[in-house]
């Protein structure tokens, strides 16, 4: 409501005095509204997607043909492969200069990623009991020392 009166040309301090709102609160809300609008305009963080990949000769190959190559590898014997092995296949078979992160993104778009492995925790380790020993004969195992014959023959 105060915003309407301020936009009509009334002074900010007078309008906020009638409303009972402090200047700092008004400007804080105004700043947050501007930041939210800017965030809505931004799409994704990071670098823009180029849309092509280069081969070793320097020719630009669109991502759609790379997706076709991935589908060919998957229909062949490449299905048990993960995205890192698919990356090496693309680099070796099709002579592409491509990063494993880009292959991961393309596999994610095609929905051909393998499910992640379940990691099972190690079995619980049993620690030895710490018992106080107060006497000489309280050890649970018997150790015997044999000294042999005490004399030395020459």
N, C-alpha and C. Protein backbone atom coordinates (compact mmCIF):
# COMPACT_ATOMS: atom_id res chain seq x y z
N UNK A 1 0.83 -1.18 0.00
CA UNK A 1 0.00 0.00 0.00
C UNK A 1 0.88 1.25 0.00
N UNK A 2 1.94 1.21 0.79
CA UNK A 2 2.85 2.35 0.83
C UNK A 2 3.53 2.54 -0.51
N UNK A 3 3.76 1.43 -1.19
CA UNK A 3 4.44 1.49 -2.49
C UNK A 3 3.62 2.30 -3.50
N UNK A 4 2.31 2.15 -3.45
CA UNK A 4 1.42 2.88 -4.37
C UNK A 4 1.54 4.38 -4.16
N UNK A 5 1.53 4.82 -2.91
CA UNK A 5 1.60 6.25 -2.61
C UNK A 5 2.98 6.80 -2.97
N UNK A 6 4.00 6.00 -2.75
CA UNK A 6 5.35 6.46 -3.09
C UNK A 6 5.49 6.59 -4.60
N UNK A 7 4.89 5.67 -5.36
CA UNK A 7 4.97 5.75 -6.82
C UNK A 7 4.16 6.93 -7.37
N UNK A 8 3.16 7.39 -6.62
CA UNK A 8 2.39 8.56 -7.06
C UNK A 8 3.17 9.85 -6.88
N UNK A 9 4.24 9.81 -6.07
CA UNK A 9 5.08 10.99 -5.93
C UNK A 9 5.20 11.51 -4.52
N UNK A 10 4.55 10.91 -3.57
CA UNK A 10 4.67 11.35 -2.19
C UNK A 10 6.03 10.95 -1.62
N UNK A 11 6.49 11.73 -0.65
CA UNK A 11 7.79 11.46 -0.05
C UNK A 11 7.74 10.16 0.75
N UNK A 12 8.86 9.43 0.70
CA UNK A 12 8.94 8.11 1.33
C UNK A 12 8.79 8.23 2.84
N UNK A 13 9.45 9.21 3.44
CA UNK A 13 9.41 9.34 4.90
C UNK A 13 8.01 9.65 5.41
N UNK A 14 7.25 10.46 4.67
CA UNK A 14 5.90 10.81 5.10
C UNK A 14 4.98 9.60 5.01
N UNK A 15 5.06 8.88 3.89
CA UNK A 15 4.19 7.72 3.68
C UNK A 15 4.51 6.64 4.71
N UNK A 16 5.78 6.37 4.93
CA UNK A 16 6.16 5.33 5.89
C UNK A 16 5.82 5.74 7.32
N UNK A 17 5.81 7.05 7.60
CA UNK A 17 5.39 7.53 8.92
C UNK A 17 3.92 7.25 9.17
N UNK A 18 3.08 7.44 8.15
CA UNK A 18 1.64 7.14 8.28
C UNK A 18 1.40 5.64 8.42
N UNK A 19 2.15 4.86 7.67
CA UNK A 19 1.96 3.41 7.69
C UNK A 19 2.54 2.81 8.98
N UNK A 20 3.57 3.44 9.52
CA UNK A 20 4.21 2.92 10.73
C UNK A 20 5.31 1.92 10.42
N UNK A 21 5.99 2.13 9.30
CA UNK A 21 7.04 1.22 8.87
C UNK A 21 8.36 2.00 8.86
N UNK A 22 9.43 1.38 9.32
CA UNK A 22 10.72 2.07 9.33
C UNK A 22 11.33 2.07 7.94
N UNK A 23 12.21 3.04 7.73
CA UNK A 23 12.88 3.17 6.43
C UNK A 23 13.72 1.94 6.10
N UNK A 24 14.43 1.44 7.09
CA UNK A 24 15.32 0.30 6.84
C UNK A 24 14.52 -0.94 6.42
N UNK A 25 13.37 -1.15 7.04
CA UNK A 25 12.53 -2.30 6.67
C UNK A 25 12.01 -2.14 5.24
N UNK A 26 11.58 -0.94 4.89
CA UNK A 26 11.06 -0.70 3.53
C UNK A 26 12.13 -0.97 2.48
N UNK A 27 13.33 -0.42 2.71
CA UNK A 27 14.38 -0.59 1.72
C UNK A 27 14.91 -2.02 1.68
N UNK A 28 14.87 -2.71 2.81
CA UNK A 28 15.27 -4.12 2.83
C UNK A 28 14.30 -4.96 2.00
N UNK A 29 13.00 -4.71 2.15
CA UNK A 29 11.99 -5.43 1.37
C UNK A 29 12.12 -5.10 -0.10
N UNK A 30 12.37 -3.83 -0.41
CA UNK A 30 12.53 -3.42 -1.81
C UNK A 30 13.74 -4.10 -2.45
N UNK A 31 14.85 -4.17 -1.68
CA UNK A 31 16.05 -4.82 -2.21
C UNK A 31 15.82 -6.31 -2.44
N UNK A 32 15.12 -6.97 -1.53
CA UNK A 32 14.83 -8.40 -1.69
C UNK A 32 13.93 -8.65 -2.89
N UNK A 33 12.98 -7.77 -3.15
CA UNK A 33 12.12 -7.93 -4.32
C UNK A 33 12.91 -7.82 -5.61
N UNK A 34 13.89 -6.90 -5.65
CA UNK A 34 14.72 -6.74 -6.84
C UNK A 34 15.60 -7.97 -7.03
N UNK A 35 16.17 -8.50 -5.94
CA UNK A 35 17.02 -9.70 -6.03
C UNK A 35 16.22 -10.90 -6.50
N UNK A 36 14.98 -11.04 -6.04
CA UNK A 36 14.14 -12.17 -6.46
C UNK A 36 13.81 -12.08 -7.94
N UNK A 37 13.59 -10.86 -8.45
CA UNK A 37 13.32 -10.71 -9.89
C UNK A 37 14.54 -11.08 -10.71
N UNK A 38 15.73 -10.69 -10.23
CA UNK A 38 16.96 -11.03 -10.95
C UNK A 38 17.21 -12.53 -10.93
N UNK A 39 16.88 -13.18 -9.81
CA UNK A 39 17.07 -14.63 -9.74
C UNK A 39 16.12 -15.35 -10.67
N UNK A 40 14.93 -14.82 -10.84
CA UNK A 40 13.96 -15.46 -11.73
C UNK A 40 14.42 -15.35 -13.18
N UNK A 41 15.16 -14.27 -13.51
CA UNK A 41 15.63 -14.11 -14.88
C UNK A 41 16.82 -15.00 -15.19
N UNK A 42 17.61 -15.34 -14.16
CA UNK A 42 18.76 -16.20 -14.38
C UNK A 42 18.28 -17.63 -14.57
N UNK A 43 18.92 -18.35 -15.48
CA UNK A 43 18.49 -19.72 -15.76
C UNK A 43 19.25 -20.72 -14.92
N UNK A 44 20.43 -21.07 -15.34
CA UNK A 44 21.23 -22.06 -14.64
C UNK A 44 22.59 -21.46 -14.34
N UNK A 45 23.18 -21.87 -13.23
CA UNK A 45 24.52 -21.37 -12.97
C UNK A 45 25.53 -22.05 -13.88
N UNK A 46 26.63 -21.40 -14.08
CA UNK A 46 27.69 -22.02 -14.87
C UNK A 46 27.71 -21.52 -16.30
N UNK A 47 28.50 -22.19 -17.07
CA UNK A 47 28.74 -21.80 -18.45
C UNK A 47 27.59 -22.25 -19.34
N UNK A 48 27.35 -21.50 -20.42
CA UNK A 48 26.31 -21.89 -21.36
C UNK A 48 26.72 -23.17 -22.09
N UNK A 49 25.73 -23.97 -22.45
CA UNK A 49 25.99 -25.20 -23.20
C UNK A 49 26.29 -24.82 -24.63
N UNK A 50 27.41 -25.31 -25.15
CA UNK A 50 27.85 -24.89 -26.48
C UNK A 50 26.99 -25.50 -27.59
N UNK A 51 26.56 -26.74 -27.43
CA UNK A 51 25.72 -27.37 -28.44
C UNK A 51 26.50 -28.14 -29.49
N UNK A 52 27.80 -28.15 -29.39
CA UNK A 52 28.60 -28.92 -30.35
C UNK A 52 29.84 -29.47 -29.65
N UNK A 53 30.48 -30.42 -30.32
CA UNK A 53 31.72 -31.01 -29.85
C UNK A 53 32.68 -31.04 -31.02
N UNK A 54 33.96 -30.92 -30.74
CA UNK A 54 34.95 -30.96 -31.82
C UNK A 54 35.58 -32.34 -31.89
N UNK A 55 35.93 -32.71 -33.12
CA UNK A 55 36.73 -33.93 -33.26
C UNK A 55 38.19 -33.53 -33.29
N UNK A 56 39.07 -34.51 -33.45
CA UNK A 56 40.51 -34.22 -33.37
C UNK A 56 41.00 -33.38 -34.54
N UNK A 57 40.24 -33.32 -35.64
CA UNK A 57 40.63 -32.48 -36.77
C UNK A 57 40.16 -31.04 -36.60
N UNK A 58 39.26 -30.81 -35.64
CA UNK A 58 38.76 -29.46 -35.39
C UNK A 58 37.39 -29.20 -35.96
N UNK A 59 36.75 -30.21 -36.55
CA UNK A 59 35.41 -30.04 -37.10
C UNK A 59 34.39 -30.01 -35.98
N UNK A 60 33.37 -29.16 -36.12
CA UNK A 60 32.33 -29.06 -35.12
C UNK A 60 31.26 -30.12 -35.40
N UNK A 61 30.95 -30.90 -34.39
CA UNK A 61 29.93 -31.94 -34.50
C UNK A 61 28.82 -31.59 -33.51
N UNK A 62 27.57 -31.49 -33.97
CA UNK A 62 26.49 -31.11 -33.04
C UNK A 62 26.23 -32.20 -32.00
N UNK A 63 25.65 -31.77 -30.88
CA UNK A 63 25.38 -32.70 -29.78
C UNK A 63 24.37 -33.78 -30.17
N UNK A 64 23.51 -33.48 -31.14
CA UNK A 64 22.53 -34.49 -31.56
C UNK A 64 23.22 -35.70 -32.19
N UNK A 65 24.27 -35.47 -32.96
CA UNK A 65 24.98 -36.61 -33.55
C UNK A 65 25.78 -37.36 -32.47
N UNK A 66 26.25 -36.64 -31.46
CA UNK A 66 26.94 -37.32 -30.35
C UNK A 66 25.94 -38.20 -29.60
N UNK A 67 24.70 -37.71 -29.45
CA UNK A 67 23.65 -38.51 -28.81
C UNK A 67 23.36 -39.77 -29.64
N UNK A 68 23.39 -39.62 -30.96
CA UNK A 68 23.19 -40.80 -31.82
C UNK A 68 24.32 -41.80 -31.64
N UNK A 69 25.55 -41.29 -31.53
CA UNK A 69 26.69 -42.18 -31.29
C UNK A 69 26.53 -42.91 -29.96
N UNK A 70 26.05 -42.20 -28.94
CA UNK A 70 25.82 -42.82 -27.64
C UNK A 70 24.76 -43.91 -27.73
N UNK A 71 23.70 -43.63 -28.48
CA UNK A 71 22.65 -44.65 -28.63
C UNK A 71 23.17 -45.87 -29.38
N UNK A 72 24.05 -45.66 -30.36
CA UNK A 72 24.66 -46.78 -31.07
C UNK A 72 25.52 -47.63 -30.13
N UNK A 73 26.28 -46.94 -29.27
CA UNK A 73 27.11 -47.68 -28.32
C UNK A 73 26.26 -48.45 -27.32
N UNK A 74 25.14 -47.88 -26.94
CA UNK A 74 24.27 -48.54 -25.97
C UNK A 74 23.58 -49.75 -26.59
N UNK A 75 23.13 -49.62 -27.84
CA UNK A 75 22.46 -50.76 -28.47
C UNK A 75 23.43 -51.89 -28.76
N UNK A 76 24.70 -51.56 -28.91
CA UNK A 76 25.70 -52.60 -29.14
C UNK A 76 26.07 -53.26 -27.82
N UNK A 77 27.35 -53.45 -27.62
CA UNK A 77 27.81 -54.10 -26.40
C UNK A 77 28.11 -53.09 -25.31
N UNK A 78 27.71 -51.85 -25.46
CA UNK A 78 28.07 -50.81 -24.52
C UNK A 78 27.11 -50.59 -23.39
N UNK A 79 26.05 -51.37 -23.29
CA UNK A 79 25.06 -51.08 -22.26
C UNK A 79 25.58 -51.26 -20.85
N UNK A 80 26.42 -52.26 -20.56
CA UNK A 80 26.90 -52.34 -19.18
C UNK A 80 27.94 -51.27 -18.84
N UNK A 81 28.28 -50.41 -19.79
CA UNK A 81 29.26 -49.37 -19.53
C UNK A 81 28.64 -48.20 -18.78
N UNK A 82 29.46 -47.51 -18.02
CA UNK A 82 29.05 -46.27 -17.40
C UNK A 82 29.44 -45.10 -18.30
N UNK A 83 29.18 -43.89 -17.83
CA UNK A 83 29.44 -42.73 -18.68
C UNK A 83 30.93 -42.50 -18.91
N UNK A 84 31.78 -42.95 -17.99
CA UNK A 84 33.22 -42.75 -18.20
C UNK A 84 33.75 -43.70 -19.27
N UNK A 85 33.24 -44.93 -19.29
CA UNK A 85 33.66 -45.84 -20.36
C UNK A 85 33.08 -45.43 -21.70
N UNK A 86 31.86 -44.87 -21.68
CA UNK A 86 31.29 -44.35 -22.92
C UNK A 86 32.12 -43.17 -23.44
N UNK A 87 32.67 -42.40 -22.52
CA UNK A 87 33.53 -41.27 -22.92
C UNK A 87 34.76 -41.77 -23.66
N UNK A 88 35.40 -42.80 -23.12
CA UNK A 88 36.60 -43.32 -23.78
C UNK A 88 36.24 -43.96 -25.12
N UNK A 89 35.06 -44.59 -25.22
CA UNK A 89 34.64 -45.15 -26.51
C UNK A 89 34.43 -44.04 -27.53
N UNK A 90 33.82 -42.93 -27.12
CA UNK A 90 33.63 -41.82 -28.05
C UNK A 90 34.97 -41.22 -28.46
N UNK A 91 35.90 -41.14 -27.52
CA UNK A 91 37.20 -40.57 -27.84
C UNK A 91 38.01 -41.47 -28.76
N UNK A 92 37.92 -42.79 -28.55
CA UNK A 92 38.73 -43.71 -29.35
C UNK A 92 38.07 -44.08 -30.67
N UNK A 93 36.78 -44.38 -30.65
CA UNK A 93 36.10 -44.85 -31.86
C UNK A 93 35.76 -43.71 -32.82
N UNK A 94 35.23 -42.61 -32.27
CA UNK A 94 34.77 -41.52 -33.11
C UNK A 94 35.73 -40.34 -33.15
N UNK A 95 36.88 -40.46 -32.46
CA UNK A 95 37.93 -39.43 -32.44
C UNK A 95 37.39 -38.07 -32.01
N UNK A 96 36.57 -38.06 -30.94
CA UNK A 96 36.00 -36.81 -30.44
C UNK A 96 36.84 -36.29 -29.28
N UNK A 97 36.89 -34.98 -29.16
CA UNK A 97 37.51 -34.34 -28.00
C UNK A 97 36.34 -33.97 -27.09
N UNK A 98 36.06 -34.84 -26.12
CA UNK A 98 34.88 -34.66 -25.28
C UNK A 98 35.23 -35.01 -23.85
N UNK A 99 34.59 -34.32 -22.92
CA UNK A 99 34.84 -34.47 -21.50
C UNK A 99 33.81 -35.45 -20.92
N UNK A 100 34.17 -36.13 -19.85
CA UNK A 100 33.25 -37.09 -19.24
C UNK A 100 32.03 -36.39 -18.63
N UNK A 101 32.19 -35.12 -18.24
CA UNK A 101 31.06 -34.39 -17.67
C UNK A 101 30.01 -34.08 -18.73
N UNK A 102 30.47 -33.82 -19.94
CA UNK A 102 29.53 -33.57 -21.04
C UNK A 102 28.81 -34.86 -21.42
N UNK A 103 29.53 -35.97 -21.41
CA UNK A 103 28.91 -37.26 -21.70
C UNK A 103 27.88 -37.59 -20.63
N UNK A 104 28.18 -37.26 -19.38
CA UNK A 104 27.23 -37.48 -18.29
C UNK A 104 25.95 -36.68 -18.53
N UNK A 105 26.10 -35.41 -18.93
CA UNK A 105 24.94 -34.56 -19.19
C UNK A 105 24.11 -35.10 -20.35
N UNK A 106 24.79 -35.53 -21.43
CA UNK A 106 24.07 -36.07 -22.58
C UNK A 106 23.37 -37.38 -22.23
N UNK A 107 24.02 -38.23 -21.45
CA UNK A 107 23.39 -39.48 -21.01
C UNK A 107 22.20 -39.20 -20.12
N UNK A 108 22.29 -38.16 -19.32
CA UNK A 108 21.18 -37.79 -18.46
C UNK A 108 20.00 -37.29 -19.29
N UNK A 109 20.28 -36.53 -20.36
CA UNK A 109 19.21 -36.06 -21.24
C UNK A 109 18.55 -37.23 -21.97
N UNK A 110 19.35 -38.23 -22.35
CA UNK A 110 18.80 -39.40 -23.05
C UNK A 110 18.18 -40.41 -22.10
N UNK A 111 18.40 -40.23 -20.81
CA UNK A 111 17.91 -41.15 -19.77
C UNK A 111 18.47 -42.56 -19.96
N UNK A 112 19.78 -42.63 -20.18
CA UNK A 112 20.43 -43.93 -20.34
C UNK A 112 21.48 -44.19 -19.27
N UNK A 113 21.45 -43.40 -18.21
CA UNK A 113 22.41 -43.62 -17.14
C UNK A 113 22.08 -44.89 -16.38
N UNK A 114 23.10 -45.61 -16.02
CA UNK A 114 22.91 -46.80 -15.20
C UNK A 114 22.62 -46.38 -13.77
N UNK A 115 21.87 -47.17 -13.01
CA UNK A 115 21.64 -46.80 -11.61
C UNK A 115 22.92 -46.88 -10.80
N UNK A 116 23.01 -46.05 -9.79
CA UNK A 116 24.21 -46.03 -8.97
C UNK A 116 24.29 -47.30 -8.13
N UNK A 117 25.52 -47.73 -7.91
CA UNK A 117 25.72 -48.92 -7.08
C UNK A 117 25.39 -48.61 -5.63
N UNK A 118 24.88 -49.59 -4.93
CA UNK A 118 24.67 -49.44 -3.50
C UNK A 118 25.98 -49.72 -2.79
N UNK A 119 26.32 -48.88 -1.88
CA UNK A 119 27.52 -49.11 -1.09
C UNK A 119 27.09 -49.67 0.25
N UNK A 120 27.64 -50.79 0.58
CA UNK A 120 27.32 -51.43 1.84
C UNK A 120 28.38 -51.08 2.86
N UNK A 121 27.98 -50.72 4.05
CA UNK A 121 28.99 -50.39 5.06
C UNK A 121 29.74 -51.63 5.49
N UNK A 122 30.97 -51.43 5.94
CA UNK A 122 31.76 -52.55 6.42
C UNK A 122 31.09 -53.16 7.64
N UNK A 123 31.30 -54.45 7.82
CA UNK A 123 30.68 -55.10 8.97
C UNK A 123 31.22 -54.47 10.24
N UNK A 124 30.44 -54.46 11.27
CA UNK A 124 30.92 -53.81 12.49
C UNK A 124 32.11 -54.56 13.08
N UNK A 125 33.09 -53.82 13.43
CA UNK A 125 34.30 -54.42 13.98
C UNK A 125 34.13 -54.61 15.48
N UNK A 126 34.60 -55.76 15.98
CA UNK A 126 34.50 -56.04 17.41
C UNK A 126 35.81 -55.64 18.07
N UNK A 127 35.67 -54.83 19.07
CA UNK A 127 36.86 -54.40 19.80
C UNK A 127 37.09 -55.35 20.97
N UNK A 128 38.33 -55.50 21.33
CA UNK A 128 38.67 -56.35 22.45
C UNK A 128 38.20 -55.71 23.75
N UNK A 129 37.84 -56.55 24.68
CA UNK A 129 37.39 -56.03 25.97
C UNK A 129 38.60 -55.52 26.74
N UNK A 130 38.39 -54.44 27.43
CA UNK A 130 39.46 -53.88 28.27
C UNK A 130 39.15 -54.24 29.71
N UNK A 131 39.87 -55.20 30.19
CA UNK A 131 39.67 -55.62 31.57
C UNK A 131 40.87 -55.19 32.40
N UNK A 132 40.57 -54.79 33.62
CA UNK A 132 41.66 -54.44 34.53
C UNK A 132 42.22 -55.71 35.14
N UNK A 133 43.51 -55.79 35.15
CA UNK A 133 44.19 -56.94 35.73
C UNK A 133 44.78 -56.48 37.06
N UNK A 134 44.30 -57.11 38.12
CA UNK A 134 44.77 -56.70 39.46
C UNK A 134 45.73 -57.71 40.07
N UNK A 135 45.75 -58.93 39.53
CA UNK A 135 46.63 -59.94 40.08
C UNK A 135 47.50 -60.56 39.00
N UNK A 136 48.42 -61.44 39.42
CA UNK A 136 49.34 -62.02 38.45
C UNK A 136 48.72 -63.18 37.68
N UNK A 137 47.65 -63.79 38.18
CA UNK A 137 47.09 -64.97 37.53
C UNK A 137 45.70 -64.71 36.94
N UNK A 138 45.43 -63.48 36.49
CA UNK A 138 44.11 -63.17 35.96
C UNK A 138 44.06 -63.11 34.44
N UNK A 139 45.12 -63.37 33.76
CA UNK A 139 45.07 -63.37 32.30
C UNK A 139 44.28 -64.56 31.80
N UNK A 140 43.53 -64.37 30.72
CA UNK A 140 42.69 -65.46 30.23
C UNK A 140 43.49 -66.50 29.46
N UNK A 141 44.66 -66.14 28.99
CA UNK A 141 45.50 -67.12 28.30
C UNK A 141 46.71 -67.44 29.17
N UNK A 142 47.16 -68.67 29.08
CA UNK A 142 48.31 -69.09 29.89
C UNK A 142 49.57 -69.01 29.04
N UNK A 143 50.51 -68.27 29.51
CA UNK A 143 51.79 -68.17 28.83
C UNK A 143 52.81 -68.91 29.69
N UNK A 144 53.62 -69.73 29.03
CA UNK A 144 54.65 -70.47 29.75
C UNK A 144 56.00 -70.15 29.14
N UNK A 145 56.95 -69.96 29.98
CA UNK A 145 58.30 -69.67 29.51
C UNK A 145 59.17 -70.84 29.93
N UNK A 146 59.82 -71.40 28.95
CA UNK A 146 60.75 -72.46 29.28
C UNK A 146 62.16 -71.93 29.11
N UNK A 147 62.92 -72.01 30.16
CA UNK A 147 64.28 -71.47 30.10
C UNK A 147 65.28 -72.52 29.64
N UNK A 148 64.91 -73.74 29.64
CA UNK A 148 65.85 -74.78 29.25
C UNK A 148 66.82 -75.08 30.37
N UNK A 149 67.96 -75.62 30.00
CA UNK A 149 68.95 -75.95 31.04
C UNK A 149 69.73 -74.71 31.42
N UNK A 150 69.95 -74.49 32.72
CA UNK A 150 70.63 -73.28 33.15
C UNK A 150 72.13 -73.34 32.96
N UNK A 151 72.72 -74.49 32.66
CA UNK A 151 74.20 -74.53 32.55
C UNK A 151 74.63 -74.51 31.11
N UNK A 152 75.81 -74.03 30.89
CA UNK A 152 76.38 -73.93 29.54
C UNK A 152 77.52 -74.92 29.46
N UNK A 153 77.47 -75.78 28.49
CA UNK A 153 78.53 -76.77 28.35
C UNK A 153 79.58 -76.26 27.37
N UNK A 154 80.82 -76.58 27.67
CA UNK A 154 81.92 -76.10 26.82
C UNK A 154 82.54 -77.23 26.05
